[in-house]
Amino acid sequence: MQLVIGGCFQGKLDYAKKELARQGILVITEEIIDGMQIDLILWEDDRRRHGEQVRILNHFHLWVKDWMEEGREAELMPALEKMLLKHPDLWIVCDEVGCGVVPVEKTERAYRELVGRLLCFLAQKAEHVVRIVAGMPMKIK
């Protein structure tokens, strides 16, 4: 698994696609799944039936937010672990949400903290971690 983090609109997805292309893998739209569209059943079953491979999970932070809003935050870590087992070559792309001003709302602070904790977990598991700033990669791991 590869982890790409950085601020909003900094070129994270473009970086992941270019790196895969350097490995000879041209990523098509169907191989990128958006954090707001994740349905674990779709992820694991329907896409495989149609022969599509999921290579990039984009907007990981939106998946976390969506599940928190549904009251499913306790399910996130087991789902994430299961996803990593099934997709060891996955590229995960996530906005950094913990930088800047601390949110006033308690739920926003909890969301920010959960994304941070999950990114710590992912960084430990990742083969490589790259932070993108202004389109420029900075290798962390």
C-alpha atoms as a PDB file:
ATOM      1  CA  MET A   1       0.000   0.000   0.000  1.00  0.00           C
ATOM      2  CA  GLN A   2       1.133   3.523  -0.810  1.00  0.00           C
ATOM      3  CA  LEU A   3      -0.057   6.609   1.080  1.00  0.00           C
ATOM      4  CA  VAL A   4      -0.187  10.071  -0.491  1.00  0.00           C
ATOM      5  CA  ILE A   5      -1.117  13.024   1.728  1.00  0.00           C
ATOM      6  CA  GLY A   6      -1.179  16.788   1.350  1.00  0.00           C
ATOM      7  CA  GLY A   7      -3.366  19.831   1.301  1.00  0.00           C
ATOM      8  CA  CYS A   8      -6.461  20.193  -0.838  1.00  0.00           C
ATOM      9  CA  PHE A   9      -5.800  20.610  -4.586  1.00  0.00           C
ATOM     10  CA  GLN A  10      -2.039  20.048  -4.319  1.00  0.00           C
ATOM     11  CA  GLY A  11      -1.764  17.343  -7.023  1.00  0.00           C
ATOM     12  CA  LYS A  12      -1.987  14.178  -4.921  1.00  0.00           C
ATOM     13  CA  LEU A  13      -4.107  12.161  -7.364  1.00  0.00           C
ATOM     14  CA  ASP A  14      -1.999  13.278 -10.338  1.00  0.00           C
ATOM     15  CA  TYR A  15       1.119  12.166  -8.481  1.00  0.00           C
ATOM     16  CA  ALA A  16      -0.343   8.696  -7.775  1.00  0.00           C
ATOM     17  CA  LYS A  17      -1.391   8.271 -11.415  1.00  0.00           C
ATOM     18  CA  LYS A  18       2.031   9.379 -12.697  1.00  0.00           C
ATOM     19  CA  GLU A  19       3.849   7.016 -10.351  1.00  0.00           C
ATOM     20  CA  LEU A  20       1.677   4.106 -11.457  1.00  0.00           C
ATOM     21  CA  ALA A  21       2.299   5.079 -15.097  1.00  0.00           C
ATOM     22  CA  ARG A  22       6.057   4.957 -14.402  1.00  0.00           C
ATOM     23  CA  GLN A  23       5.466   1.340 -13.362  1.00  0.00           C
ATOM     24  CA  GLY A  24       3.697   0.710 -16.667  1.00  0.00           C
ATOM     25  CA  ILE A  25       0.195   0.912 -15.196  1.00  0.00           C
ATOM     26  CA  LEU A  26      -2.151   3.365 -16.902  1.00  0.00           C
ATOM     27  CA  VAL A  27      -4.991   4.034 -14.479  1.00  0.00           C
ATOM     28  CA  ILE A  28      -8.449   4.417 -15.983  1.00  0.00           C
ATOM     29  CA  THR A  29     -11.299   6.248 -14.245  1.00  0.00           C
ATOM     30  CA  GLU A  30     -12.987   3.000 -13.180  1.00  0.00           C
ATOM     31  CA  GLU A  31      -9.860   2.051 -11.226  1.00  0.00           C
ATOM     32  CA  ILE A  32     -10.153   5.132  -8.993  1.00  0.00           C
ATOM     33  CA  ILE A  33     -12.766   5.038  -6.274  1.00  0.00           C
ATOM     34  CA  ASP A  34     -13.776   8.188  -4.422  1.00  0.00           C
ATOM     35  CA  GLY A  35     -14.065   8.296  -0.646  1.00  0.00           C
ATOM     36  CA  MET A  36     -17.692   9.461  -0.845  1.00  0.00           C
ATOM     37  CA  GLN A  37     -18.642   6.489  -3.037  1.00  0.00           C
ATOM     38  CA  ILE A  38     -17.169   3.637  -1.048  1.00  0.00           C
ATOM     39  CA  ASP A  39     -19.499   0.806  -0.361  1.00  0.00           C
ATOM     40  CA  LEU A  40     -17.434  -2.105   0.904  1.00  0.00           C
ATOM     41  CA  ILE A  41     -19.700  -4.636  -0.803  1.00  0.00           C
ATOM     42  CA  LEU A  42     -19.294  -2.844  -4.143  1.00  0.00           C
ATOM     43  CA  TRP A  43     -15.571  -2.514  -3.476  1.00  0.00           C
ATOM     44  CA  GLU A  44     -15.083  -6.223  -2.852  1.00  0.00           C
ATOM     45  CA  ASP A  45     -17.634  -7.923  -5.092  1.00  0.00           C
ATOM     46  CA  ASP A  46     -19.186  -5.964  -7.961  1.00  0.00           C
ATOM     47  CA  ARG A  47     -15.962  -4.442  -9.295  1.00  0.00           C
ATOM     48  CA  ARG A  48     -14.225  -7.799  -9.347  1.00  0.00           C
ATOM     49  CA  ARG A  49     -17.174  -9.340 -11.198  1.00  0.00           C
ATOM     50  CA  HIS A  50     -16.824  -6.734 -13.925  1.00  0.00           C
ATOM     51  CA  GLY A  51     -13.075  -7.310 -14.166  1.00  0.00           C
ATOM     52  CA  GLU A  52     -12.153  -3.849 -12.939  1.00  0.00           C
ATOM     53  CA  GLN A  53      -9.343  -3.437 -10.475  1.00  0.00           C
ATOM     54  CA  VAL A  54      -9.387  -0.678  -7.891  1.00  0.00           C
ATOM     55  CA  ARG A  55      -5.937   0.898  -7.790  1.00  0.00           C
ATOM     56  CA  ILE A  56      -6.517   4.244  -6.045  1.00  0.00           C
ATOM     57  CA  LEU A  57      -8.749   5.243  -3.130  1.00  0.00           C
ATOM     58  CA  ASN A  58      -9.050   9.007  -3.510  1.00  0.00           C
ATOM     59  CA  HIS A  59     -10.390  11.341  -0.799  1.00  0.00           C
ATOM     60  CA  PHE A  60      -9.909   8.871   2.061  1.00  0.00           C
ATOM     61  CA  HIS A  61     -10.830  11.668   4.500  1.00  0.00           C
ATOM     62  CA  LEU A  62     -14.337  11.883   2.963  1.00  0.00           C
ATOM     63  CA  TRP A  63     -14.874   8.184   3.617  1.00  0.00           C
ATOM     64  CA  VAL A  64     -14.042   8.780   7.271  1.00  0.00           C
ATOM     65  CA  LYS A  65     -16.387  11.779   7.437  1.00  0.00           C
ATOM     66  CA  ASP A  66     -19.212   9.873   5.746  1.00  0.00           C
ATOM     67  CA  TRP A  67     -18.959   6.949   8.162  1.00  0.00           C
ATOM     68  CA  MET A  68     -18.729   9.292  11.166  1.00  0.00           C
ATOM     69  CA  GLU A  69     -21.892  11.087  10.065  1.00  0.00           C
ATOM     70  CA  GLU A  70     -23.606   7.675   9.896  1.00  0.00           C
ATOM     71  CA  GLY A  71     -22.359   6.844  13.412  1.00  0.00           C
ATOM     72  CA  ARG A  72     -20.124   4.062  12.088  1.00  0.00           C
ATOM     73  CA  GLU A  73     -16.719   5.269  13.286  1.00  0.00           C
ATOM     74  CA  ALA A  74     -16.224   2.074  15.341  1.00  0.00           C
ATOM     75  CA  GLU A  75     -16.418   0.096  12.070  1.00  0.00           C
ATOM     76  CA  LEU A  76     -13.699   2.122  10.320  1.00  0.00           C
ATOM     77  CA  MET A  77     -10.587   0.350  11.587  1.00  0.00           C
ATOM     78  CA  PRO A  78     -11.879  -3.201  10.948  1.00  0.00           C
ATOM     79  CA  ALA A  79     -13.087  -2.153   7.484  1.00  0.00           C
ATOM     80  CA  LEU A  80      -9.755  -0.498   6.747  1.00  0.00           C
ATOM     81  CA  GLU A  81      -7.784  -3.547   7.859  1.00  0.00           C
ATOM     82  CA  LYS A  82      -9.984  -5.781   5.698  1.00  0.00           C
ATOM     83  CA  MET A  83      -9.528  -3.460   2.721  1.00  0.00           C
ATOM     84  CA  LEU A  84      -5.742  -3.489   3.095  1.00  0.00           C
ATOM     85  CA  LEU A  85      -5.684  -7.294   3.205  1.00  0.00           C
ATOM     86  CA  LYS A  86      -7.763  -7.555   0.046  1.00  0.00           C
ATOM     87  CA  HIS A  87      -5.960  -4.749  -1.801  1.00  0.00           C
ATOM     88  CA  PRO A  88      -2.276  -4.739  -0.732  1.00  0.00           C
ATOM     89  CA  ASP A  89      -1.230  -2.694  -3.801  1.00  0.00           C
ATOM     90  CA  LEU A  90      -3.765   0.057  -3.151  1.00  0.00           C
ATOM     91  CA  TRP A  91      -2.788   3.736  -3.316  1.00  0.00           C
ATOM     92  CA  ILE A  92      -4.603   5.801  -0.674  1.00  0.00           C
ATOM     93  CA  VAL A  93      -4.866   9.546  -1.270  1.00  0.00           C
ATOM     94  CA  CYS A  94      -5.960  11.787   1.606  1.00  0.00           C
ATOM     95  CA  ASP A  95      -6.192  15.493   2.325  1.00  0.00           C
ATOM     96  CA  GLU A  96      -4.471  16.650   5.479  1.00  0.00           C
ATOM     97  CA  VAL A  97      -7.249  17.884   7.744  1.00  0.00           C
ATOM     98  CA  GLY A  98      -5.250  18.406  10.945  1.00  0.00           C
ATOM     99  CA  CYS A  99      -3.306  21.490   9.939  1.00  0.00           C
ATOM    100  CA  GLY A 100      -4.385  24.996  10.789  1.00  0.00           C
ATOM    101  CA  VAL A 101      -7.020  26.330  13.157  1.00  0.00           C
ATOM    102  CA  VAL A 102      -8.632  23.901  15.607  1.00  0.00           C
ATOM    103  CA  PRO A 103     -12.343  23.602  14.751  1.00  0.00           C
ATOM    104  CA  VAL A 104     -14.839  25.074  17.207  1.00  0.00           C
ATOM    105  CA  GLU A 105     -17.395  22.280  16.747  1.00  0.00           C
ATOM    106  CA  LYS A 106     -16.783  19.131  18.767  1.00  0.00           C
ATOM    107  CA  THR A 107     -17.756  16.831  15.865  1.00  0.00           C
ATOM    108  CA  GLU A 108     -15.262  18.542  13.535  1.00  0.00           C
ATOM    109  CA  ARG A 109     -12.500  18.137  16.127  1.00  0.00           C
ATOM    110  CA  ALA A 110     -13.394  14.445  16.512  1.00  0.00           C
ATOM    111  CA  TYR A 111     -13.345  14.007  12.721  1.00  0.00           C
ATOM    112  CA  ARG A 112      -9.956  15.694  12.441  1.00  0.00           C
ATOM    113  CA  GLU A 113      -8.545  13.526  15.223  1.00  0.00           C
ATOM    114  CA  LEU A 114      -9.911  10.305  13.713  1.00  0.00           C
ATOM    115  CA  VAL A 115      -8.468  11.068  10.279  1.00  0.00           C
ATOM    116  CA  GLY A 116      -5.119  11.769  11.937  1.00  0.00           C
ATOM    117  CA  ARG A 117      -5.151   8.520  13.896  1.00  0.00           C
ATOM    118  CA  LEU A 118      -6.118   6.494  10.821  1.00  0.00           C
ATOM    119  CA  LEU A 119      -3.357   8.171   8.801  1.00  0.00           C
ATOM    120  CA  CYS A 120      -0.863   7.213  11.522  1.00  0.00           C
ATOM    121  CA  PHE A 121      -2.027   3.600  11.209  1.00  0.00           C
ATOM    122  CA  LEU A 122      -1.815   3.745   7.403  1.00  0.00           C
ATOM    123  CA  ALA A 123       1.635   5.342   7.487  1.00  0.00           C
ATOM    124  CA  GLN A 124       2.932   2.472   9.623  1.00  0.00           C
ATOM    125  CA  LYS A 125       1.507  -0.085   7.183  1.00  0.00           C
ATOM    126  CA  ALA A 126       2.484   1.747   3.979  1.00  0.00           C
ATOM    127  CA  GLU A 127       5.420   0.800   1.830  1.00  0.00           C
ATOM    128  CA  HIS A 128       5.875   4.489   0.976  1.00  0.00           C
ATOM    129  CA  VAL A 129       4.397   7.719   2.327  1.00  0.00           C
ATOM    130  CA  VAL A 130       4.628  10.871   0.225  1.00  0.00           C
ATOM    131  CA  ARG A 131       3.443  14.376   1.058  1.00  0.00           C
ATOM    132  CA  ILE A 132       2.556  16.601  -1.878  1.00  0.00           C
ATOM    133  CA  VAL A 133       2.935  20.392  -1.619  1.00  0.00           C
ATOM    134  CA  ALA A 134       2.346  22.593  -4.679  1.00  0.00           C
ATOM    135  CA  GLY A 135       2.609  19.513  -6.867  1.00  0.00           C
ATOM    136  CA  MET A 136       6.008  18.582  -5.481  1.00  0.00           C
ATOM    137  CA  PRO A 137       6.481  15.221  -3.733  1.00  0.00           C
ATOM    138  CA  MET A 138       8.307  14.977  -0.420  1.00  0.00           C
ATOM    139  CA  LYS A 139       9.133  11.386   0.513  1.00  0.00           C
ATOM    140  CA  ILE A 140       8.417  10.720   4.181  1.00  0.00           C
ATOM    141  CA  LYS A 141       8.872   6.961   4.172  1.00  0.00           C
END
